[in-house]
Amino acid sequence: MSNFNNEPTNDKIEDYNGKESPEKRNIVRLVVILILIIGAFFAYLKTTSLPSDYIGTPENPGINTSKN
C-alpha cells in the first residue's frame, strides 16, 4: 500500500494544467507539423502515381476502362 503514496499527483507533474515549458510546447508543435507535412507528401505521391487503367498496347488495343 505504500507504493500508492509515492505516486505523484497531477499538481506535482510539471506538464499538468498548462505549466509545460515553452521549449516542450514548441517541440510538440514541430513534431505535429512535421507529421502533417510527411503525410501530405505521401498523399501527393499516392494521388499523382495512379496506374493507368488502360489494358492493351498501341498495336493491340484492349479494353479502355476510362470513365469518360
Protein backbone atom coordinates (compact mmCIF):
# COMPACT_ATOMS: atom_id res chain seq x y z
CA MET A 1 0.00 0.00 0.00
CA SER A 2 2.92 2.39 0.49
CA ASN A 3 3.58 2.43 -3.29
CA PHE A 4 0.37 4.38 -3.84
CA ASN A 5 1.59 7.13 -1.52
CA ASN A 6 4.75 7.64 -3.58
CA GLU A 7 2.92 8.26 -6.85
CA PRO A 8 2.93 11.89 -8.00
CA THR A 9 -0.32 13.77 -8.09
CA ASN A 10 -1.35 15.81 -11.11
CA ASP A 11 -0.26 19.04 -9.42
CA LYS A 12 3.29 17.69 -8.97
CA ILE A 13 3.71 16.88 -12.67
CA GLU A 14 5.33 19.84 -14.41
CA ASP A 15 3.31 19.48 -17.63
CA TYR A 16 -0.08 19.42 -15.94
CA ASN A 17 -2.60 22.24 -16.29
CA GLY A 18 -0.73 24.32 -18.87
CA LYS A 19 2.52 24.56 -16.93
CA GLU A 20 4.72 23.00 -19.60
CA SER A 21 7.84 24.82 -20.68
CA PRO A 22 7.80 26.79 -23.92
CA GLU A 23 10.54 24.51 -25.26
CA LYS A 24 8.39 21.41 -24.81
CA ARG A 25 5.40 23.16 -26.35
CA ASN A 26 7.47 24.15 -29.41
CA ILE A 27 8.83 20.61 -29.80
CA VAL A 28 5.32 19.17 -29.77
CA ARG A 29 4.19 21.72 -32.35
CA LEU A 30 7.21 20.95 -34.52
CA VAL A 31 6.55 17.19 -34.38
CA VAL A 32 2.87 17.66 -35.29
CA ILE A 33 3.76 19.96 -38.20
CA LEU A 34 6.40 17.55 -39.50
CA ILE A 35 3.97 14.62 -39.35
CA LEU A 36 1.39 16.64 -41.28
CA ILE A 37 3.97 17.60 -43.91
CA ILE A 38 5.13 14.00 -44.31
CA GLY A 39 1.51 12.83 -44.57
CA ALA A 40 0.77 15.46 -47.21
CA PHE A 41 3.84 14.38 -49.17
CA PHE A 42 2.76 10.73 -49.20
CA ALA A 43 -0.81 11.71 -50.10
CA TYR A 44 0.56 13.73 -53.04
CA LEU A 45 2.66 10.79 -54.20
CA LYS A 46 -0.30 8.46 -53.97
CA THR A 47 -2.64 10.71 -55.95
CA THR A 48 -0.12 11.52 -58.69
CA SER A 49 1.12 7.98 -59.27
CA LEU A 50 -2.16 6.23 -60.05
CA PRO A 51 -1.66 3.43 -62.53
CA SER A 52 -3.37 3.69 -65.88
CA ASP A 53 -6.49 1.57 -66.25
CA TYR A 54 -5.86 1.09 -69.97
CA ILE A 55 -5.38 -2.54 -70.93
CA GLY A 56 -3.61 -3.12 -74.22
CA THR A 57 -0.82 -1.86 -76.42
CA PRO A 58 -0.81 0.52 -79.40
CA GLU A 59 -0.62 -2.48 -81.74
CA ASN A 60 -3.39 -4.44 -79.99
CA PRO A 61 -5.80 -2.06 -78.37
CA GLY A 62 -7.56 -3.60 -75.44
CA ILE A 63 -10.36 -2.56 -73.21
CA ASN A 64 -10.40 1.13 -72.33
CA THR A 65 -11.80 1.36 -68.81
CA SER A 66 -11.67 5.14 -68.53
CA LYS A 67 -14.75 6.72 -67.04
CA ASN A 68 -15.32 9.12 -69.96
